PDB file of N, CA and C in Angstrom:
ATOM      1  N   MET A   1     146.816 133.435 135.299  1.00  0.00           N
ATOM      2  CA  MET A   1     145.601 132.822 135.817  1.00  0.00           C
ATOM      3  C   MET A   1     145.877 131.337 136.062  1.00  0.00           C
ATOM      4  N   LEU A   2     145.509 130.862 137.220  1.00  0.00           N
ATOM      5  CA  LEU A   2     145.680 129.452 137.553  1.00  0.00           C
ATOM      6  C   LEU A   2     144.590 128.621 136.878  1.00  0.00           C
ATOM      7  N   SER A   3     144.855 127.336 136.731  1.00  0.00           N
ATOM      8  CA  SER A   3     143.933 126.461 135.980  1.00  0.00           C
ATOM      9  C   SER A   3     142.518 126.463 136.558  1.00  0.00           C
ATOM     10  N   PHE A   4     142.374 126.430 137.861  1.00  0.00           N
ATOM     11  CA  PHE A   4     141.037 126.374 138.451  1.00  0.00           C
ATOM     12  C   PHE A   4     140.266 127.670 138.207  1.00  0.00           C
ATOM     13  N   GLN A   5     140.982 128.789 138.051  1.00  0.00           N
ATOM     14  CA  GLN A   5     140.318 130.074 137.814  1.00  0.00           C
ATOM     15  C   GLN A   5     139.671 130.141 136.432  1.00  0.00           C
ATOM     16  N   LYS A   6     140.080 129.253 135.549  1.00  0.00           N
ATOM     17  CA  LYS A   6     139.511 129.187 134.199  1.00  0.00           C
ATOM     18  C   LYS A   6     138.229 128.348 134.148  1.00  0.00           C
ATOM     19  N   LEU A   7     137.980 127.580 135.190  1.00  0.00           N
ATOM     20  CA  LEU A   7     136.799 126.708 135.212  1.00  0.00           C
ATOM     21  C   LEU A   7     135.524 127.536 135.327  1.00  0.00           C
ATOM     22  N   ARG A   8     134.546 127.228 134.476  1.00  0.00           N
ATOM     23  CA  ARG A   8     133.258 127.937 134.531  1.00  0.00           C
ATOM     24  C   ARG A   8     132.599 127.783 135.893  1.00  0.00           C
ATOM     25  N   VAL A   9     132.704 126.598 136.473  1.00  0.00           N
ATOM     26  CA  VAL A   9     132.069 126.364 137.772  1.00  0.00           C
ATOM     27  C   VAL A   9     132.708 127.224 138.848  1.00  0.00           C
ATOM     28  N   TYR A  10     134.009 127.420 138.769  1.00  0.00           N
ATOM     29  CA  TYR A  10     134.692 128.281 139.736  1.00  0.00           C
ATOM     30  C   TYR A  10     134.244 129.731 139.547  1.00  0.00           C
ATOM     31  N   GLN A  11     134.230 130.194 138.316  1.00  0.00           N
ATOM     32  CA  GLN A  11     133.809 131.563 138.023  1.00  0.00           C
ATOM     33  C   GLN A  11     132.381 131.817 138.483  1.00  0.00           C
ATOM     34  N   ARG A  12     131.512 130.836 138.277  1.00  0.00           N
ATOM     35  CA  ARG A  12     130.123 130.987 138.710  1.00  0.00           C
ATOM     36  C   ARG A  12     130.034 131.003 140.228  1.00  0.00           C
ATOM     37  N   SER A  13     130.856 130.224 140.898  1.00  0.00           N
ATOM     38  CA  SER A  13     130.826 130.212 142.368  1.00  0.00           C
ATOM     39  C   SER A  13     131.311 131.551 142.927  1.00  0.00           C
ATOM     40  N   ILE A  14     132.259 132.189 142.256  1.00  0.00           N
ATOM     41  CA  ILE A  14     132.723 133.513 142.671  1.00  0.00           C
ATOM     42  C   ILE A  14     131.619 134.544 142.425  1.00  0.00           C
ATOM     43  N   GLU A  15     130.923 134.401 141.321  1.00  0.00           N
ATOM     44  CA  GLU A  15     129.792 135.296 141.033  1.00  0.00           C
ATOM     45  C   GLU A  15     128.708 135.146 142.103  1.00  0.00           C
ATOM     46  N   PHE A  16     128.456 133.899 142.520  1.00  0.00           N
ATOM     47  CA  PHE A  16     127.470 133.665 143.574  1.00  0.00           C
ATOM     48  C   PHE A  16     127.928 134.301 144.889  1.00  0.00           C
ATOM     49  N   LEU A  17     129.204 134.162 145.220  1.00  0.00           N
ATOM     50  CA  LEU A  17     129.737 134.759 146.441  1.00  0.00           C
ATOM     51  C   LEU A  17     129.541 136.279 146.439  1.00  0.00           C
ATOM     52  N   ALA A  18     129.779 136.908 145.304  1.00  0.00           N
ATOM     53  CA  ALA A  18     129.574 138.361 145.199  1.00  0.00           C
ATOM     54  C   ALA A  18     128.112 138.718 145.447  1.00  0.00           C
ATOM     55  N   LEU A  19     127.192 137.920 144.908  1.00  0.00           N
ATOM     56  CA  LEU A  19     125.769 138.153 145.142  1.00  0.00           C
ATOM     57  C   LEU A  19     125.432 137.996 146.619  1.00  0.00           C
ATOM     58  N   VAL A  20     125.988 136.988 147.247  1.00  0.00           N
ATOM     59  CA  VAL A  20     125.745 136.746 148.674  1.00  0.00           C
ATOM     60  C   VAL A  20     126.210 137.936 149.513  1.00  0.00           C
ATOM     61  N   LEU A  21     127.336 138.512 149.165  1.00  0.00           N
ATOM     62  CA  LEU A  21     127.822 139.675 149.912  1.00  0.00           C
ATOM     63  C   LEU A  21     126.831 140.829 149.801  1.00  0.00           C
ATOM     64  N   GLU A  22     126.222 140.997 148.646  1.00  0.00           N
ATOM     65  CA  GLU A  22     125.189 142.026 148.484  1.00  0.00           C
ATOM     66  C   GLU A  22     123.963 141.708 149.340  1.00  0.00           C
ATOM     67  N   ILE A  23     123.545 140.455 149.322  1.00  0.00           N
ATOM     68  CA  ILE A  23     122.377 140.028 150.105  1.00  0.00           C
ATOM     69  C   ILE A  23     122.625 140.262 151.591  1.00  0.00           C
ATOM     70  N   ILE A  24     123.782 139.860 152.060  1.00  0.00           N
ATOM     71  CA  ILE A  24     124.123 139.989 153.477  1.00  0.00           C
ATOM     72  C   ILE A  24     124.184 141.455 153.901  1.00  0.00           C
ATOM     73  N   SER A  25     124.720 142.292 153.033  1.00  0.00           N
ATOM     74  CA  SER A  25     124.835 143.707 153.396  1.00  0.00           C
ATOM     75  C   SER A  25     123.470 144.376 153.544  1.00  0.00           C
ATOM     76  N   ALA A  26     122.440 143.799 152.937  1.00  0.00           N
ATOM     77  CA  ALA A  26     121.087 144.365 153.015  1.00  0.00           C
ATOM     78  C   ALA A  26     120.253 143.762 154.141  1.00  0.00           C
ATOM     79  N   LEU A  27     120.801 142.765 154.834  1.00  0.00           N
ATOM     80  CA  LEU A  27     120.030 142.127 155.915  1.00  0.00           C
ATOM     81  C   LEU A  27     119.841 143.071 157.090  1.00  0.00           C
ATOM     82  N   PRO A  28     118.654 143.058 157.680  1.00  0.00           N
ATOM     83  CA  PRO A  28     118.458 143.841 158.899  1.00  0.00           C
ATOM     84  C   PRO A  28     119.220 143.207 160.065  1.00  0.00           C
ATOM     85  N   LYS A  29     119.482 143.999 161.079  1.00  0.00           N
ATOM     86  CA  LYS A  29     120.178 143.477 162.265  1.00  0.00           C
ATOM     87  C   LYS A  29     119.369 142.342 162.883  1.00  0.00           C
ATOM     88  N   GLY A  30     120.085 141.451 163.538  1.00  0.00           N
ATOM     89  CA  GLY A  30     119.425 140.349 164.216  1.00  0.00           C
ATOM     90  C   GLY A  30     119.453 139.038 163.442  1.00  0.00           C
ATOM     91  N   HIS A  31     120.135 139.031 162.300  1.00  0.00           N
ATOM     92  CA  HIS A  31     120.174 137.816 161.479  1.00  0.00           C
ATOM     93  C   HIS A  31     121.610 137.385 161.200  1.00  0.00           C
ATOM     94  N   ALA A  32     122.501 137.648 162.140  1.00  0.00           N
ATOM     95  CA  ALA A  32     123.926 137.350 161.968  1.00  0.00           C
ATOM     96  C   ALA A  32     124.178 135.854 161.762  1.00  0.00           C
ATOM     97  N   GLU A  33     123.440 135.017 162.472  1.00  0.00           N
ATOM     98  CA  GLU A  33     123.653 133.569 162.356  1.00  0.00           C
ATOM     99  C   GLU A  33     123.309 133.074 160.952  1.00  0.00           C
ATOM    100  N   LEU A  34     122.207 133.533 160.409  1.00  0.00           N
ATOM    101  CA  LEU A  34     121.798 133.144 159.063  1.00  0.00           C
ATOM    102  C   LEU A  34     122.774 133.707 158.024  1.00  0.00           C
ATOM    103  N   ALA A  35     123.203 134.941 158.214  1.00  0.00           N
ATOM    104  CA  ALA A  35     124.175 135.549 157.309  1.00  0.00           C
ATOM    105  C   ALA A  35     125.486 134.773 157.328  1.00  0.00           C
ATOM    106  N   ASP A  36     125.929 134.378 158.520  1.00  0.00           N
ATOM    107  CA  ASP A  36     127.170 133.622 158.659  1.00  0.00           C
ATOM    108  C   ASP A  36     127.065 132.270 157.963  1.00  0.00           C
ATOM    109  N   GLN A  37     125.940 131.597 158.121  1.00  0.00           N
ATOM    110  CA  GLN A  37     125.751 130.288 157.494  1.00  0.00           C
ATOM    111  C   GLN A  37     125.810 130.414 155.971  1.00  0.00           C
ATOM    112  N   LEU A  38     125.111 131.402 155.422  1.00  0.00           N
ATOM    113  CA  LEU A  38     125.112 131.606 153.981  1.00  0.00           C
ATOM    114  C   LEU A  38     126.506 131.983 153.490  1.00  0.00           C
ATOM    115  N   LEU A  39     127.194 132.844 154.207  1.00  0.00           N
ATOM    116  CA  LEU A  39     128.533 133.256 153.811  1.00  0.00           C
ATOM    117  C   LEU A  39     129.504 132.077 153.823  1.00  0.00           C
ATOM    118  N   ARG A  40     129.469 131.279 154.875  1.00  0.00           N
ATOM    119  CA  ARG A  40     130.377 130.128 154.955  1.00  0.00           C
ATOM    120  C   ARG A  40     130.123 129.131 153.830  1.00  0.00           C
ATOM    121  N   ALA A  41     128.854 128.850 153.536  1.00  0.00           N
ATOM    122  CA  ALA A  41     128.520 127.922 152.449  1.00  0.00           C
ATOM    123  C   ALA A  41     128.964 128.487 151.101  1.00  0.00           C
ATOM    124  N   SER A  42     128.869 129.790 150.945  1.00  0.00           N
ATOM    125  CA  SER A  42     129.249 130.454 149.696  1.00  0.00           C
ATOM    126  C   SER A  42     130.760 130.492 149.508  1.00  0.00           C
ATOM    127  N   GLN A  43     131.490 130.690 150.586  1.00  0.00           N
ATOM    128  CA  GLN A  43     132.953 130.707 150.506  1.00  0.00           C
ATOM    129  C   GLN A  43     133.517 129.305 150.313  1.00  0.00           C
ATOM    130  N   SER A  44     132.837 128.326 150.836  1.00  0.00           N
ATOM    131  CA  SER A  44     133.294 126.947 150.742  1.00  0.00           C
ATOM    132  C   SER A  44     133.305 126.428 149.306  1.00  0.00           C
ATOM    133  N   GLN A  45     132.383 126.889 148.496  1.00  0.00           N
ATOM    134  CA  GLN A  45     132.293 126.393 147.120  1.00  0.00           C
ATOM    135  C   GLN A  45     133.561 126.665 146.316  1.00  0.00           C
ATOM    136  N   PRO A  46     133.973 127.927 146.131  1.00  0.00           N
ATOM    137  CA  PRO A  46     135.177 128.144 145.330  1.00  0.00           C
ATOM    138  C   PRO A  46     136.438 127.552 145.962  1.00  0.00           C
ATOM    139  N   ARG A  47     136.491 127.531 147.287  1.00  0.00           N
ATOM    140  CA  ARG A  47     137.667 126.950 147.945  1.00  0.00           C
ATOM    141  C   ARG A  47     137.795 125.464 147.647  1.00  0.00           C
ATOM    142  N   ASN A  48     136.678 124.740 147.740  1.00  0.00           N
ATOM    143  CA  ASN A  48     136.725 123.304 147.463  1.00  0.00           C
ATOM    144  C   ASN A  48     136.951 123.010 145.981  1.00  0.00           C
ATOM    145  N   ILE A  49     136.406 123.847 145.103  1.00  0.00           N
ATOM    146  CA  ILE A  49     136.641 123.669 143.670  1.00  0.00           C
ATOM    147  C   ILE A  49     138.132 123.851 143.370  1.00  0.00           C
ATOM    148  N   ALA A  50     138.724 124.894 143.937  1.00  0.00           N
ATOM    149  CA  ALA A  50     140.153 125.151 143.730  1.00  0.00           C
ATOM    150  C   ALA A  50     140.993 124.004 144.274  1.00  0.00           C
ATOM    151  N   GLU A  51     140.666 123.559 145.473  1.00  0.00           N
ATOM    152  CA  GLU A  51     141.452 122.472 146.058  1.00  0.00           C
ATOM    153  C   GLU A  51     141.291 121.189 145.263  1.00  0.00           C
ATOM    154  N   GLY A  52     140.075 120.907 144.812  1.00  0.00           N
ATOM    155  CA  GLY A  52     139.851 119.714 143.991  1.00  0.00           C
ATOM    156  C   GLY A  52     140.632 119.766 142.690  1.00  0.00           C
ATOM    157  N   ALA A  53     140.663 120.932 142.061  1.00  0.00           N
ATOM    158  CA  ALA A  53     141.389 121.084 140.796  1.00  0.00           C
ATOM    159  C   ALA A  53     142.891 120.867 140.984  1.00  0.00           C
ATOM    160  N   GLY A  54     143.367 121.090 142.194  1.00  0.00           N
ATOM    161  CA  GLY A  54     144.789 120.915 142.476  1.00  0.00           C
ATOM    162  C   GLY A  54     145.173 119.494 142.846  1.00  0.00           C
ATOM    163  N   ARG A  55     144.212 118.638 142.999  1.00  0.00           N
ATOM    164  CA  ARG A  55     144.497 117.244 143.359  1.00  0.00           C
ATOM    165  C   ARG A  55     144.891 116.440 142.131  1.00  0.00           C
ATOM    166  N   ARG A  56     145.701 115.417 142.347  1.00  0.00           N
ATOM    167  CA  ARG A  56     146.241 114.649 141.226  1.00  0.00           C
ATOM    168  C   ARG A  56     145.369 113.477 140.799  1.00  0.00           C
ATOM    169  N   THR A  57     144.616 112.920 141.728  1.00  0.00           N
ATOM    170  CA  THR A  57     143.817 111.754 141.354  1.00  0.00           C
ATOM    171  C   THR A  57     142.344 112.134 141.215  1.00  0.00           C
ATOM    172  N   ALA A  58     141.665 111.395 140.377  1.00  0.00           N
ATOM    173  CA  ALA A  58     140.235 111.651 140.151  1.00  0.00           C
ATOM    174  C   ALA A  58     139.436 111.454 141.433  1.00  0.00           C
ATOM    175  N   VAL A  59     139.832 110.508 142.252  1.00  0.00           N
ATOM    176  CA  VAL A  59     139.128 110.247 143.509  1.00  0.00           C
ATOM    177  C   VAL A  59     139.260 111.440 144.447  1.00  0.00           C
ATOM    178  N   ASP A  60     140.463 111.974 144.558  1.00  0.00           N
ATOM    179  CA  ASP A  60     140.679 113.158 145.393  1.00  0.00           C
ATOM    180  C   ASP A  60     139.898 114.357 144.862  1.00  0.00           C
ATOM    181  N   GLN A  61     139.953 114.562 143.556  1.00  0.00           N
ATOM    182  CA  GLN A  61     139.214 115.666 142.941  1.00  0.00           C
ATOM    183  C   GLN A  61     137.731 115.545 143.240  1.00  0.00           C
ATOM    184  N   ALA A  62     137.182 114.365 143.019  1.00  0.00           N
ATOM    185  CA  ALA A  62     135.746 114.134 143.214  1.00  0.00           C
ATOM    186  C   ALA A  62     135.328 114.423 144.645  1.00  0.00           C
ATOM    187  N   ARG A  63     136.188 114.093 145.603  1.00  0.00           N
ATOM    188  CA  ARG A  63     135.853 114.331 147.012  1.00  0.00           C
ATOM    189  C   ARG A  63     135.651 115.829 147.265  1.00  0.00           C
ATOM    190  N   PHE A  64     136.535 116.648 146.763  1.00  0.00           N
ATOM    191  CA  PHE A  64     136.408 118.092 146.975  1.00  0.00           C
ATOM    192  C   PHE A  64     135.255 118.690 146.174  1.00  0.00           C
ATOM    193  N   TYR A  65     135.031 118.181 144.962  1.00  0.00           N
ATOM    194  CA  TYR A  65     133.906 118.670 144.167  1.00  0.00           C
ATOM    195  C   TYR A  65     132.579 118.285 144.823  1.00  0.00           C
ATOM    196  N   THR A  66     132.560 117.132 145.478  1.00  0.00           N
ATOM    197  CA  THR A  66     131.356 116.707 146.206  1.00  0.00           C
ATOM    198  C   THR A  66     131.112 117.633 147.400  1.00  0.00           C
ATOM    199  N   HIS A  67     132.172 118.025 148.090  1.00  0.00           N
ATOM    200  CA  HIS A  67     132.023 118.977 149.206  1.00  0.00           C
ATOM    201  C   HIS A  67     131.490 120.319 148.699  1.00  0.00           C
ATOM    202  N   ALA A  68     132.015 120.769 147.569  1.00  0.00           N
ATOM    203  CA  ALA A  68     131.554 122.039 146.992  1.00  0.00           C
ATOM    204  C   ALA A  68     130.077 121.938 146.618  1.00  0.00           C
ATOM    205  N   ARG A  69     129.671 120.794 146.081  1.00  0.00           N
ATOM    206  CA  ARG A  69     128.270 120.581 145.716  1.00  0.00           C
ATOM    207  C   ARG A  69     127.374 120.630 146.952  1.00  0.00           C
ATOM    208  N   GLY A  70     127.814 120.009 148.031  1.00  0.00           N
ATOM    209  CA  GLY A  70     127.063 120.051 149.283  1.00  0.00           C
ATOM    210  C   GLY A  70     126.926 121.467 149.812  1.00  0.00           C
ATOM    211  N   SER A  71     127.985 122.249 149.692  1.00  0.00           N
ATOM    212  CA  SER A  71     127.930 123.640 150.138  1.00  0.00           C
ATOM    213  C   SER A  71     126.963 124.457 149.285  1.00  0.00           C
ATOM    214  N   ALA A  72     126.895 124.156 147.999  1.00  0.00           N
ATOM    215  CA  ALA A  72     125.936 124.840 147.123  1.00  0.00           C
ATOM    216  C   ALA A  72     124.505 124.507 147.541  1.00  0.00           C
ATOM    217  N   MET A  73     124.263 123.266 147.889  1.00  0.00           N
ATOM    218  CA  MET A  73     122.927 122.869 148.352  1.00  0.00           C
ATOM    219  C   MET A  73     122.591 123.558 149.676  1.00  0.00           C
ATOM    220  N   GLU A  74     123.575 123.653 150.554  1.00  0.00           N
ATOM    221  CA  GLU A  74     123.369 124.337 151.838  1.00  0.00           C
ATOM    222  C   GLU A  74     123.042 125.816 151.603  1.00  0.00           C
ATOM    223  N   ALA A  75     123.742 126.432 150.664  1.00  0.00           N
ATOM    224  CA  ALA A  75     123.482 127.838 150.349  1.00  0.00           C
ATOM    225  C   ALA A  75     122.067 128.023 149.805  1.00  0.00           C
ATOM    226  N   ALA A  76     121.607 127.080 148.987  1.00  0.00           N
ATOM    227  CA  ALA A  76     120.239 127.151 148.458  1.00  0.00           C
ATOM    228  C   ALA A  76     119.225 127.067 149.590  1.00  0.00           C
ATOM    229  N   ALA A  77     119.474 126.201 150.547  1.00  0.00           N
ATOM    230  CA  ALA A  77     118.568 126.086 151.694  1.00  0.00           C
ATOM    231  C   ALA A  77     118.564 127.371 152.517  1.00  0.00           C
ATOM    232  N   ALA A  78     119.715 128.001 152.666  1.00  0.00           N
ATOM    233  CA  ALA A  78     119.782 129.271 153.396  1.00  0.00           C
ATOM    234  C   ALA A  78     118.991 130.355 152.651  1.00  0.00           C
ATOM    235  N   LEU A  79     119.113 130.377 151.321  1.00  0.00           N
ATOM    236  CA  LEU A  79     118.326 131.339 150.539  1.00  0.00           C
ATOM    237  C   LEU A  79     116.830 131.067 150.676  1.00  0.00           C
ATOM    238  N   ASP A  80     116.449 129.780 150.672  1.00  0.00           N
ATOM    239  CA  ASP A  80     115.037 129.429 150.866  1.00  0.00           C
ATOM    240  C   ASP A  80     114.534 129.940 152.208  1.00  0.00           C
ATOM    241  N   THR A  81     115.352 129.757 153.233  1.00  0.00           N
ATOM    242  CA  THR A  81     115.000 130.235 154.568  1.00  0.00           C
ATOM    243  C   THR A  81     114.815 131.749 154.567  1.00  0.00           C
ATOM    244  N   MET A  82     115.733 132.444 153.938  1.00  0.00           N
ATOM    245  CA  MET A  82     115.647 133.909 153.874  1.00  0.00           C
ATOM    246  C   MET A  82     114.416 134.354 153.089  1.00  0.00           C
ATOM    247  N   ARG A  83     114.083 133.605 152.072  1.00  0.00           N
ATOM    248  CA  ARG A  83     112.896 133.947 151.274  1.00  0.00           C
ATOM    249  C   ARG A  83     111.629 133.817 152.106  1.00  0.00           C
ATOM    250  N   VAL A  84     111.520 132.729 152.851  1.00  0.00           N
ATOM    251  CA  VAL A  84     110.353 132.510 153.704  1.00  0.00           C
ATOM    252  C   VAL A  84     110.256 133.611 154.760  1.00  0.00           C
ATOM    253  N   MET A  85     111.400 134.036 155.250  1.00  0.00           N
ATOM    254  CA  MET A  85     111.437 135.075 156.278  1.00  0.00           C
ATOM    255  C   MET A  85     111.344 136.484 155.687  1.00  0.00           C
ATOM    256  N   LYS A  86     111.241 136.549 154.351  1.00  0.00           N
ATOM    257  CA  LYS A  86     111.150 137.835 153.639  1.00  0.00           C
ATOM    258  C   LYS A  86     112.377 138.725 153.896  1.00  0.00           C
ATOM    259  N   LEU A  87     113.555 138.085 153.864  1.00  0.00           N
ATOM    260  CA  LEU A  87     114.805 138.783 154.113  1.00  0.00           C
ATOM    261  C   LEU A  87     115.616 138.999 152.844  1.00  0.00           C
ATOM    262  N   VAL A  88     115.146 138.466 151.719  1.00  0.00           N
ATOM    263  CA  VAL A  88     115.864 138.585 150.461  1.00  0.00           C
ATOM    264  C   VAL A  88     114.865 138.992 149.382  1.00  0.00           C
ATOM    265  N   SER A  89     115.290 139.848 148.478  1.00  0.00           N
ATOM    266  CA  SER A  89     114.394 140.252 147.388  1.00  0.00           C
ATOM    267  C   SER A  89     114.170 139.073 146.449  1.00  0.00           C
ATOM    268  N   GLU A  90     113.063 139.109 145.773  1.00  0.00           N
ATOM    269  CA  GLU A  90     112.743 138.028 144.827  1.00  0.00           C
ATOM    270  C   GLU A  90     113.784 137.986 143.702  1.00  0.00           C
ATOM    271  N   THR A  91     114.256 139.143 143.289  1.00  0.00           N
ATOM    272  CA  THR A  91     115.270 139.207 142.228  1.00  0.00           C
ATOM    273  C   THR A  91     116.573 138.542 142.670  1.00  0.00           C
ATOM    274  N   SER A  92     117.037 138.866 143.861  1.00  0.00           N
ATOM    275  CA  SER A  92     118.277 138.271 144.381  1.00  0.00           C
ATOM    276  C   SER A  92     118.109 136.780 144.625  1.00  0.00           C
ATOM    277  N   TYR A  93     116.958 136.410 145.148  1.00  0.00           N
ATOM    278  CA  TYR A  93     116.690 134.986 145.384  1.00  0.00           C
ATOM    279  C   TYR A  93     116.750 134.215 144.065  1.00  0.00           C
ATOM    280  N   THR A  94     116.035 134.712 143.069  1.00  0.00           N
ATOM    281  CA  THR A  94     115.976 134.026 141.773  1.00  0.00           C
ATOM    282  C   THR A  94     117.355 133.915 141.145  1.00  0.00           C
ATOM    283  N   ARG A  95     118.119 135.006 141.176  1.00  0.00           N
ATOM    284  CA  ARG A  95     119.472 134.982 140.608  1.00  0.00           C
ATOM    285  C   ARG A  95     120.363 134.010 141.368  1.00  0.00           C
ATOM    286  N   GLY A  96     120.250 134.000 142.672  1.00  0.00           N
ATOM    287  CA  GLY A  96     121.048 133.073 143.472  1.00  0.00           C
ATOM    288  C   GLY A  96     120.746 131.627 143.159  1.00  0.00           C
ATOM    289  N   ILE A  97     119.477 131.301 143.067  1.00  0.00           N
ATOM    290  CA  ILE A  97     119.089 129.915 142.764  1.00  0.00           C
ATOM    291  C   ILE A  97     119.531 129.530 141.358  1.00  0.00           C
ATOM    292  N   GLU A  98     119.424 130.450 140.410  1.00  0.00           N
ATOM    293  CA  GLU A  98     119.893 130.160 139.040  1.00  0.00           C
ATOM    294  C   GLU A  98     121.388 129.843 139.035  1.00  0.00           C
ATOM    295  N   LEU A  99     122.163 130.648 139.734  1.00  0.00           N
ATOM    296  CA  LEU A  99     123.602 130.397 139.814  1.00  0.00           C
ATOM    297  C   LEU A  99     123.879 129.054 140.472  1.00  0.00           C
ATOM    298  N   LEU A 100     123.183 128.777 141.568  1.00  0.00           N
ATOM    299  CA  LEU A 100     123.404 127.514 142.278  1.00  0.00           C
ATOM    300  C   LEU A 100     122.995 126.307 141.450  1.00  0.00           C
ATOM    301  N   GLU A 101     121.922 126.426 140.688  1.00  0.00           N
ATOM    302  CA  GLU A 101     121.520 125.309 139.818  1.00  0.00           C
ATOM    303  C   GLU A 101     122.633 124.980 138.826  1.00  0.00           C
ATOM    304  N   GLY A 102     123.245 126.008 138.261  1.00  0.00           N
ATOM    305  CA  GLY A 102     124.353 125.786 137.335  1.00  0.00           C
ATOM    306  C   GLY A 102     125.563 125.183 138.021  1.00  0.00           C
ATOM    307  N   ILE A 103     125.872 125.688 139.201  1.00  0.00           N
ATOM    308  CA  ILE A 103     127.014 125.179 139.966  1.00  0.00           C
ATOM    309  C   ILE A 103     126.809 123.701 140.299  1.00  0.00           C
ATOM    310  N   VAL A 104     125.632 123.375 140.811  1.00  0.00           N
ATOM    311  CA  VAL A 104     125.343 121.982 141.185  1.00  0.00           C
ATOM    312  C   VAL A 104     125.408 121.078 139.958  1.00  0.00           C
ATOM    313  N   ALA A 105     124.846 121.521 138.831  1.00  0.00           N
ATOM    314  CA  ALA A 105     124.866 120.708 137.617  1.00  0.00           C
ATOM    315  C   ALA A 105     126.298 120.434 137.149  1.00  0.00           C
ATOM    316  N   MET A 106     127.121 121.476 137.157  1.00  0.00           N
ATOM    317  CA  MET A 106     128.515 121.295 136.716  1.00  0.00           C
ATOM    318  C   MET A 106     129.286 120.389 137.674  1.00  0.00           C
ATOM    319  N   LEU A 107     129.099 120.592 138.973  1.00  0.00           N
ATOM    320  CA  LEU A 107     129.813 119.768 139.943  1.00  0.00           C
ATOM    321  C   LEU A 107     129.349 118.321 139.904  1.00  0.00           C
ATOM    322  N   THR A 108     128.075 118.108 139.626  1.00  0.00           N
ATOM    323  CA  THR A 108     127.570 116.738 139.507  1.00  0.00           C
ATOM    324  C   THR A 108     128.262 116.012 138.360  1.00  0.00           C
ATOM    325  N   LYS A 109     128.478 116.696 137.262  1.00  0.00           N
ATOM    326  CA  LYS A 109     129.167 116.101 136.108  1.00  0.00           C
ATOM    327  C   LYS A 109     130.645 115.843 136.410  1.00  0.00           C
ATOM    328  N   MET A 110     131.202 116.614 137.325  1.00  0.00           N
ATOM    329  CA  MET A 110     132.629 116.506 137.625  1.00  0.00           C
ATOM    330  C   MET A 110     132.935 115.408 138.645  1.00  0.00           C
ATOM    331  N   THR A 111     131.905 114.886 139.300  1.00  0.00           N
ATOM    332  CA  THR A 111     132.170 113.855 140.338  1.00  0.00           C
ATOM    333  C   THR A 111     131.902 112.467 139.835  1.00  0.00           C
TER     334      THR A 111
END
């Protein structure tokens, strides 16, 4: 296991990505753009966390962790949009926001 894979924030971001894949698979046709936006924001989080963990300086690390934090916020906005449009179950929405709150809190401490 690589060092970044041991990070709680990374593990939580992977858990969020798995939830997003479930949400997307349940979307009705005609919402590809919204699904793509949520998927990209969800994939960006673990990628930026991994890249940040691989950087040698604190400044470099913080830059990637800040990008991951921004992607988490973008994902939350996409979930909010889906909720308003009644495209996501309340259970999935709540779980997604809980995961994102934890991710954002951890990344904020890391920057």
